[in-house]
PDB file of all heavy atoms in Angstrom:
ATOM      1  N   ALA A   1      24.046 124.447 100.388  1.00  0.00           N
ATOM      2  CA  ALA A   1      23.367 125.616  99.687  1.00  0.00           C
ATOM      3  C   ALA A   1      22.619 125.118  98.483  1.00  0.00           C
ATOM      4  O   ALA A   1      22.290 125.938  97.565  1.00  0.00           O
ATOM      5  CB  ALA A   1      24.478 126.633  99.263  1.00  0.00           C
ATOM      6  N   ILE A   2      22.477 123.817  98.292  1.00  0.00           N
ATOM      7  CA  ILE A   2      21.831 123.251  97.112  1.00  0.00           C
ATOM      8  C   ILE A   2      20.407 123.808  96.861  1.00  0.00           C
ATOM      9  O   ILE A   2      19.670 124.020  97.838  1.00  0.00           O
ATOM     10  CB  ILE A   2      21.732 121.686  97.295  1.00  0.00           C
ATOM     11  CG1 ILE A   2      21.490 121.035  95.883  1.00  0.00           C
ATOM     12  CG2 ILE A   2      20.763 121.332  98.281  1.00  0.00           C
ATOM     13  CD1 ILE A   2      21.726 119.585  95.870  1.00  0.00           C
ATOM     14  N   SER A   3      20.147 124.029  95.675  1.00  0.00           N
ATOM     15  CA  SER A   3      18.747 124.631  95.307  1.00  0.00           C
ATOM     16  C   SER A   3      17.815 123.496  95.085  1.00  0.00           C
ATOM     17  O   SER A   3      18.183 122.253  94.983  1.00  0.00           O
ATOM     18  CB  SER A   3      18.973 125.449  94.021  1.00  0.00           C
ATOM     19  OG  SER A   3      19.262 124.597  92.903  1.00  0.00           O
ATOM     20  N   ALA A   4      16.588 123.804  95.055  1.00  0.00           N
ATOM     21  CA  ALA A   4      15.577 122.756  94.820  1.00  0.00           C
ATOM     22  C   ALA A   4      15.772 122.102  93.477  1.00  0.00           C
ATOM     23  O   ALA A   4      15.664 120.891  93.350  1.00  0.00           O
ATOM     24  CB  ALA A   4      14.185 123.419  94.928  1.00  0.00           C
ATOM     25  N   LEU A   5      16.247 122.922  92.438  1.00  0.00           N
ATOM     26  CA  LEU A   5      16.379 122.323  91.172  1.00  0.00           C
ATOM     27  C   LEU A   5      17.540 121.430  91.130  1.00  0.00           C
ATOM     28  O   LEU A   5      17.580 120.322  90.604  1.00  0.00           O
ATOM     29  CB  LEU A   5      16.685 123.526  90.139  1.00  0.00           C
ATOM     30  CG  LEU A   5      16.942 123.048  88.663  1.00  0.00           C
ATOM     31  CD1 LEU A   5      15.717 122.265  88.144  1.00  0.00           C
ATOM     32  CD2 LEU A   5      17.256 124.258  87.772  1.00  0.00           C
ATOM     33  N   GLY A   6      18.582 121.844  91.912  1.00  0.00           N
ATOM     34  CA  GLY A   6      19.778 120.893  92.034  1.00  0.00           C
ATOM     35  C   GLY A   6      19.393 119.677  92.779  1.00  0.00           C
ATOM     36  O   GLY A   6      20.021 118.663  92.528  1.00  0.00           O
ATOM     37  N   ALA A   7      18.568 119.820  93.714  1.00  0.00           N
ATOM     38  CA  ALA A   7      18.173 118.644  94.516  1.00  0.00           C
ATOM     39  C   ALA A   7      17.484 117.636  93.568  1.00  0.00           C
ATOM     40  O   ALA A   7      17.708 116.413  93.636  1.00  0.00           O
ATOM     41  CB  ALA A   7      17.156 118.986  95.599  1.00  0.00           C
ATOM     42  N   VAL A   8      16.583 118.085  92.715  1.00  0.00           N
ATOM     43  CA  VAL A   8      15.956 117.200  91.777  1.00  0.00           C
ATOM     44  C   VAL A   8      17.005 116.458  90.892  1.00  0.00           C
ATOM     45  O   VAL A   8      16.924 115.249  90.574  1.00  0.00           O
ATOM     46  CB  VAL A   8      14.935 117.948  90.860  1.00  0.00           C
ATOM     47  CG1 VAL A   8      14.366 117.059  89.814  1.00  0.00           C
ATOM     48  CG2 VAL A   8      13.820 118.471  91.744  1.00  0.00           C
ATOM     49  N   ALA A   9      17.991 117.332  90.458  1.00  0.00           N
ATOM     50  CA  ALA A   9      18.995 116.602  89.567  1.00  0.00           C
ATOM     51  C   ALA A   9      19.786 115.591  90.335  1.00  0.00           C
ATOM     52  O   ALA A   9      20.099 114.520  89.884  1.00  0.00           O
ATOM     53  CB  ALA A   9      19.914 117.725  89.043  1.00  0.00           C
ATOM     54  N   LEU A  10      20.151 115.939  91.650  1.00  0.00           N
ATOM     55  CA  LEU A  10      20.873 114.980  92.464  1.00  0.00           C
ATOM     56  C   LEU A  10      20.053 113.633  92.622  1.00  0.00           C
ATOM     57  O   LEU A  10      20.587 112.616  92.623  1.00  0.00           O
ATOM     58  CB  LEU A  10      21.168 115.600  93.802  1.00  0.00           C
ATOM     59  CG  LEU A  10      21.970 114.716  94.764  1.00  0.00           C
ATOM     60  CD1 LEU A  10      23.281 114.331  94.207  1.00  0.00           C
ATOM     61  CD2 LEU A  10      22.155 115.549  96.102  1.00  0.00           C
ATOM     62  N   VAL A  11      18.823 113.892  92.997  1.00  0.00           N
ATOM     63  CA  VAL A  11      17.874 112.699  93.096  1.00  0.00           C
ATOM     64  C   VAL A  11      17.939 111.814  91.893  1.00  0.00           C
ATOM     65  O   VAL A  11      18.022 110.581  91.915  1.00  0.00           O
ATOM     66  CB  VAL A  11      16.501 113.088  93.474  1.00  0.00           C
ATOM     67  CG1 VAL A  11      15.632 111.886  93.503  1.00  0.00           C
ATOM     68  CG2 VAL A  11      16.468 113.711  94.912  1.00  0.00           C
ATOM     69  N   GLY A  12      17.847 112.420  90.764  1.00  0.00           N
ATOM     70  CA  GLY A  12      17.898 111.616  89.486  1.00  0.00           C
ATOM     71  C   GLY A  12      19.186 110.849  89.342  1.00  0.00           C
ATOM     72  O   GLY A  12      19.118 109.730  88.856  1.00  0.00           O
ATOM     73  N   VAL A  13      20.326 111.401  89.757  1.00  0.00           N
ATOM     74  CA  VAL A  13      21.559 110.716  89.556  1.00  0.00           C
ATOM     75  C   VAL A  13      21.714 109.581  90.566  1.00  0.00           C
ATOM     76  O   VAL A  13      22.210 108.497  90.321  1.00  0.00           O
ATOM     77  CB  VAL A  13      22.689 111.739  89.755  1.00  0.00           C
ATOM     78  CG1 VAL A  13      24.065 111.034  89.887  1.00  0.00           C
ATOM     79  CG2 VAL A  13      22.737 112.808  88.627  1.00  0.00           C
ATOM     80  N   THR A  14      21.323 109.871  91.862  1.00  0.00           N
ATOM     81  CA  THR A  14      21.566 108.835  92.948  1.00  0.00           C
ATOM     82  C   THR A  14      20.501 107.806  93.090  1.00  0.00           C
ATOM     83  O   THR A  14      20.718 106.816  93.764  1.00  0.00           O
ATOM     84  CB  THR A  14      21.772 109.570  94.257  1.00  0.00           C
ATOM     85  OG1 THR A  14      20.646 110.249  94.561  1.00  0.00           O
ATOM     86  CG2 THR A  14      22.924 110.596  94.140  1.00  0.00           C
ATOM     87  N   GLY A  15      19.337 108.043  92.506  1.00  0.00           N
ATOM     88  CA  GLY A  15      18.301 107.097  92.658  1.00  0.00           C
ATOM     89  C   GLY A  15      17.670 107.120  93.992  1.00  0.00           C
ATOM     90  O   GLY A  15      16.948 106.144  94.459  1.00  0.00           O
ATOM     91  N   VAL A  16      17.732 108.284  94.708  1.00  0.00           N
ATOM     92  CA  VAL A  16      17.116 108.421  96.018  1.00  0.00           C
ATOM     93  C   VAL A  16      15.571 108.478  95.816  1.00  0.00           C
ATOM     94  O   VAL A  16      15.120 109.168  94.973  1.00  0.00           O
ATOM     95  CB  VAL A  16      17.587 109.652  96.721  1.00  0.00           C
ATOM     96  CG1 VAL A  16      16.826 109.899  98.017  1.00  0.00           C
ATOM     97  CG2 VAL A  16      19.103 109.515  97.002  1.00  0.00           C
ATOM     98  N   LEU A  17      14.894 107.751  96.666  1.00  0.00           N
ATOM     99  CA  LEU A  17      13.473 107.744  96.684  1.00  0.00           C
ATOM    100  C   LEU A  17      12.977 108.149  98.049  1.00  0.00           C
ATOM    101  O   LEU A  17      13.514 107.740  99.110  1.00  0.00           O
ATOM    102  CB  LEU A  17      12.884 106.379  96.313  1.00  0.00           C
ATOM    103  CG  LEU A  17      13.252 105.871  95.005  1.00  0.00           C
ATOM    104  CD1 LEU A  17      12.767 104.409  94.856  1.00  0.00           C
ATOM    105  CD2 LEU A  17      12.663 106.706  93.867  1.00  0.00           C
ATOM    106  N   GLY A  18      11.952 109.101  98.133  1.00  0.00           N
ATOM    107  CA  GLY A  18      11.528 109.454  99.399  1.00  0.00           C
ATOM    108  C   GLY A  18      10.318 110.463  99.323  1.00  0.00           C
ATOM    109  O   GLY A  18      10.003 110.870  98.298  1.00  0.00           O
ATOM    110  N   ALA A  19       9.861 110.824 100.468  1.00  0.00           N
ATOM    111  CA  ALA A  19       8.806 111.732 100.624  1.00  0.00           C
ATOM    112  C   ALA A  19       8.872 112.507 101.867  1.00  0.00           C
ATOM    113  O   ALA A  19       9.159 111.919 102.903  1.00  0.00           O
ATOM    114  CB  ALA A  19       7.514 111.069 100.425  1.00  0.00           C
ATOM    115  N   CYS A  20       8.492 113.800 101.820  1.00  0.00           N
ATOM    116  CA  CYS A  20       8.361 114.620 103.079  1.00  0.00           C
ATOM    117  C   CYS A  20       7.086 115.510 102.839  1.00  0.00           C
ATOM    118  O   CYS A  20       7.065 116.244 101.988  1.00  0.00           O
ATOM    119  CB  CYS A  20       9.563 115.534 103.232  1.00  0.00           C
ATOM    120  SG  CYS A  20      11.099 114.660 103.511  1.00  0.00           S
ATOM    121  N   SER A  21       6.110 115.308 103.702  1.00  0.00           N
ATOM    122  CA  SER A  21       4.956 116.243 103.678  1.00  0.00           C
ATOM    123  C   SER A  21       5.249 117.452 104.459  1.00  0.00           C
ATOM    124  O   SER A  21       6.186 117.448 105.258  1.00  0.00           O
ATOM    125  CB  SER A  21       3.754 115.495 104.246  1.00  0.00           C
ATOM    126  OG  SER A  21       3.860 115.340 105.541  1.00  0.00           O
ATOM    127  N   SER A  22       4.445 118.565 104.232  1.00  0.00           N
ATOM    128  CA  SER A  22       4.690 119.775 104.856  1.00  0.00           C
ATOM    129  C   SER A  22       4.532 119.646 106.337  1.00  0.00           C
ATOM    130  O   SER A  22       5.313 120.250 107.142  1.00  0.00           O
ATOM    131  CB  SER A  22       3.716 120.941 104.348  1.00  0.00           C
ATOM    132  OG  SER A  22       3.947 122.121 105.050  1.00  0.00           O
ATOM    133  N   ASP A  23       3.463 118.957 106.758  1.00  0.00           N
ATOM    134  CA  ASP A  23       3.257 118.861 108.261  1.00  0.00           C
ATOM    135  C   ASP A  23       4.100 117.740 108.802  1.00  0.00           C
ATOM    136  O   ASP A  23       4.231 117.606 110.055  1.00  0.00           O
ATOM    137  CB  ASP A  23       1.786 118.549 108.557  1.00  0.00           C
ATOM    138  CG  ASP A  23       1.225 117.235 107.924  1.00  0.00           C
ATOM    139  OD1 ASP A  23       1.925 116.724 106.971  1.00  0.00           O
ATOM    140  OD2 ASP A  23       0.155 116.798 108.309  1.00  0.00           O
ATOM    141  N   GLU A  24       4.765 116.912 108.033  1.00  0.00           N
ATOM    142  CA  GLU A  24       5.652 115.840 108.566  1.00  0.00           C
ATOM    143  C   GLU A  24       7.051 116.158 108.127  1.00  0.00           C
ATOM    144  O   GLU A  24       7.994 115.572 108.689  1.00  0.00           O
ATOM    145  CB  GLU A  24       5.233 114.459 107.921  1.00  0.00           C
ATOM    146  CG  GLU A  24       3.871 114.039 108.457  1.00  0.00           C
ATOM    147  CD  GLU A  24       3.575 112.658 107.937  1.00  0.00           C
ATOM    148  OE1 GLU A  24       3.864 112.420 106.746  1.00  0.00           O
ATOM    149  OE2 GLU A  24       2.943 111.861 108.616  1.00  0.00           O
ATOM    150  N   GLY A  25       7.310 117.015 107.164  1.00  0.00           N
ATOM    151  CA  GLY A  25       8.613 117.187 106.630  1.00  0.00           C
ATOM    152  C   GLY A  25       9.357 118.260 107.444  1.00  0.00           C
ATOM    153  O   GLY A  25       8.964 118.777 108.378  1.00  0.00           O
ATOM    154  N   VAL A  26      10.573 118.610 106.833  1.00  0.00           N
ATOM    155  CA  VAL A  26      11.408 119.489 107.501  1.00  0.00           C
ATOM    156  C   VAL A  26      11.796 120.607 106.528  1.00  0.00           C
ATOM    157  O   VAL A  26      12.176 120.335 105.348  1.00  0.00           O
ATOM    158  CB  VAL A  26      12.771 118.807 108.006  1.00  0.00           C
ATOM    159  CG1 VAL A  26      13.615 119.774 108.694  1.00  0.00           C
ATOM    160  CG2 VAL A  26      12.399 117.704 108.945  1.00  0.00           C
ATOM    161  N   GLY A  27      11.705 121.855 106.953  1.00  0.00           N
ATOM    162  CA  GLY A  27      12.269 122.892 106.181  1.00  0.00           C
ATOM    163  C   GLY A  27      11.391 123.352 105.082  1.00  0.00           C
ATOM    164  O   GLY A  27      11.855 124.021 104.092  1.00  0.00           O
ATOM    165  N   ASN A  28      10.127 123.030 105.045  1.00  0.00           N
ATOM    166  CA  ASN A  28       9.217 123.577 104.012  1.00  0.00           C
ATOM    167  C   ASN A  28       8.552 124.858 104.428  1.00  0.00           C
ATOM    168  O   ASN A  28       7.825 124.909 105.475  1.00  0.00           O
ATOM    169  CB  ASN A  28       8.114 122.455 103.757  1.00  0.00           C
ATOM    170  CG  ASN A  28       8.738 121.208 103.169  1.00  0.00           C
ATOM    171  OD1 ASN A  28       9.677 121.240 102.400  1.00  0.00           O
ATOM    172  ND2 ASN A  28       8.212 120.082 103.621  1.00  0.00           N
ATOM    173  N   ASP A  29       8.726 125.971 103.640  1.00  0.00           N
ATOM    174  CA  ASP A  29       8.057 127.082 103.932  1.00  0.00           C
ATOM    175  C   ASP A  29       6.634 127.174 103.422  1.00  0.00           C
ATOM    176  O   ASP A  29       5.779 127.831 103.954  1.00  0.00           O
ATOM    177  CB  ASP A  29       8.866 128.277 103.275  1.00  0.00           C
ATOM    178  CG  ASP A  29      10.244 128.449 103.933  1.00  0.00           C
ATOM    179  OD1 ASP A  29      10.418 128.201 105.101  1.00  0.00           O
ATOM    180  OD2 ASP A  29      11.167 128.715 103.162  1.00  0.00           O
ATOM    181  N   GLY A  30       6.335 126.359 102.378  1.00  0.00           N
ATOM    182  CA  GLY A  30       5.008 126.249 101.847  1.00  0.00           C
ATOM    183  C   GLY A  30       4.350 125.015 102.266  1.00  0.00           C
ATOM    184  O   GLY A  30       4.674 124.308 103.143  1.00  0.00           O
ATOM    185  N   ASP A  31       3.370 124.595 101.433  1.00  0.00           N
ATOM    186  CA  ASP A  31       2.569 123.346 101.666  1.00  0.00           C
ATOM    187  C   ASP A  31       2.501 122.526 100.491  1.00  0.00           C
ATOM    188  O   ASP A  31       1.599 121.733 100.263  1.00  0.00           O
ATOM    189  CB  ASP A  31       1.152 123.768 102.143  1.00  0.00           C
ATOM    190  CG  ASP A  31       0.407 122.630 102.787  1.00  0.00           C
ATOM    191  OD1 ASP A  31       1.089 121.744 103.405  1.00  0.00           O
ATOM    192  OD2 ASP A  31      -0.831 122.579 102.622  1.00  0.00           O
ATOM    193  N   THR A  32       3.536 122.639  99.593  1.00  0.00           N
ATOM    194  CA  THR A  32       3.469 121.953  98.296  1.00  0.00           C
ATOM    195  C   THR A  32       3.567 120.467  98.375  1.00  0.00           C
ATOM    196  O   THR A  32       3.242 119.699  97.468  1.00  0.00           O
ATOM    197  CB  THR A  32       4.575 122.522  97.396  1.00  0.00           C
ATOM    198  OG1 THR A  32       5.860 122.293  98.098  1.00  0.00           O
ATOM    199  CG2 THR A  32       4.466 123.971  97.104  1.00  0.00           C
ATOM    200  N   ALA A  33       4.088 119.917  99.497  1.00  0.00           N
ATOM    201  CA  ALA A  33       4.365 118.499  99.654  1.00  0.00           C
ATOM    202  C   ALA A  33       3.284 117.809 100.541  1.00  0.00           C
ATOM    203  O   ALA A  33       3.466 116.670 100.912  1.00  0.00           O
ATOM    204  CB  ALA A  33       5.746 118.175 100.021  1.00  0.00           C
ATOM    205  N   SER A  34       2.273 118.594 100.886  1.00  0.00           N
ATOM    206  CA  SER A  34       1.391 118.045 101.957  1.00  0.00           C
ATOM    207  C   SER A  34       0.687 116.850 101.584  1.00  0.00           C
ATOM    208  O   SER A  34       0.171 116.077 102.432  1.00  0.00           O
ATOM    209  CB  SER A  34       0.411 119.142 102.415  1.00  0.00           C
ATOM    210  OG  SER A  34      -0.381 119.553 101.217  1.00  0.00           O
ATOM    211  N   SER A  35       0.543 116.534 100.305  1.00  0.00           N
ATOM    212  CA  SER A  35      -0.299 115.377  99.849  1.00  0.00           C
ATOM    213  C   SER A  35       0.546 114.063  99.790  1.00  0.00           C
ATOM    214  O   SER A  35       0.026 113.075  99.503  1.00  0.00           O
ATOM    215  CB  SER A  35      -0.939 115.591  98.519  1.00  0.00           C
ATOM    216  OG  SER A  35       0.067 115.806  97.537  1.00  0.00           O
ATOM    217  N   VAL A  36       1.884 114.219 100.015  1.00  0.00           N
ATOM    218  CA  VAL A  36       2.780 113.084  99.812  1.00  0.00           C
ATOM    219  C   VAL A  36       2.927 112.296 101.057  1.00  0.00           C
ATOM    220  O   VAL A  36       3.218 112.780 102.098  1.00  0.00           O
ATOM    221  CB  VAL A  36       4.155 113.510  99.232  1.00  0.00           C
ATOM    222  CG1 VAL A  36       5.015 112.320  99.019  1.00  0.00           C
ATOM    223  CG2 VAL A  36       3.956 114.286  97.952  1.00  0.00           C
ATOM    224  N   ASP A  37       2.654 110.960 100.895  1.00  0.00           N
ATOM    225  CA  ASP A  37       2.687 110.077 102.111  1.00  0.00           C
ATOM    226  C   ASP A  37       4.125 109.472 102.227  1.00  0.00           C
ATOM    227  O   ASP A  37       4.693 109.091 101.191  1.00  0.00           O
ATOM    228  CB  ASP A  37       1.688 108.895 101.835  1.00  0.00           C
ATOM    229  CG  ASP A  37       1.387 108.139 103.126  1.00  0.00           C
ATOM    230  OD1 ASP A  37       2.208 108.307 104.119  1.00  0.00           O
ATOM    231  OD2 ASP A  37       0.502 107.238 103.053  1.00  0.00           O
ATOM    232  N   VAL A  38       4.643 109.370 103.429  1.00  0.00           N
ATOM    233  CA  VAL A  38       5.974 108.756 103.580  1.00  0.00           C
ATOM    234  C   VAL A  38       5.959 107.418 103.933  1.00  0.00           C
ATOM    235  O   VAL A  38       6.971 106.768 104.172  1.00  0.00           O
ATOM    236  CB  VAL A  38       6.866 109.552 104.651  1.00  0.00           C
ATOM    237  CG1 VAL A  38       7.011 111.028 104.291  1.00  0.00           C
ATOM    238  CG2 VAL A  38       6.123 109.449 106.020  1.00  0.00           C
ATOM    239  N   GLU A  39       4.785 106.722 103.969  1.00  0.00           N
ATOM    240  CA  GLU A  39       4.647 105.356 104.116  1.00  0.00           C
ATOM    241  C   GLU A  39       5.426 104.589 103.105  1.00  0.00           C
ATOM    242  O   GLU A  39       5.420 104.894 101.972  1.00  0.00           O
ATOM    243  CB  GLU A  39       3.269 104.813 104.308  1.00  0.00           C
ATOM    244  CG  GLU A  39       2.529 105.428 105.451  1.00  0.00           C
ATOM    245  CD  GLU A  39       3.098 105.035 106.746  1.00  0.00           C
ATOM    246  OE1 GLU A  39       3.345 103.852 106.940  1.00  0.00           O
ATOM    247  OE2 GLU A  39       3.348 105.940 107.667  1.00  0.00           O
ATOM    248  N   ARG A  40       5.985 103.379 103.396  1.00  0.00           N
ATOM    249  CA  ARG A  40       6.751 102.591 102.488  1.00  0.00           C
ATOM    250  C   ARG A  40       6.223 101.124 102.399  1.00  0.00           C
ATOM    251  O   ARG A  40       6.848 100.333 101.734  1.00  0.00           O
ATOM    252  CB  ARG A  40       8.243 102.538 102.828  1.00  0.00           C
ATOM    253  CG  ARG A  40       8.945 103.902 102.501  1.00  0.00           C
ATOM    254  CD  ARG A  40       9.046 104.126 100.999  1.00  0.00           C
ATOM    255  NE  ARG A  40       9.696 105.300 100.591  1.00  0.00           N
ATOM    256  CZ  ARG A  40       9.131 106.467 100.397  1.00  0.00           C
ATOM    257  NH1 ARG A  40       7.851 106.548 100.557  1.00  0.00           N
ATOM    258  NH2 ARG A  40       9.795 107.472 100.109  1.00  0.00           N
TER     259      ARG A  40
END
């Protein structure tokens, strides 16, 4: 049930790095992440 704000906090604590675009990601109702590349 984590919120987006909680997710940001969790990422800050754990040092997780990643990216999900709207057309490549999962569970996005909008298109806010569409410009983010998941290449590493």
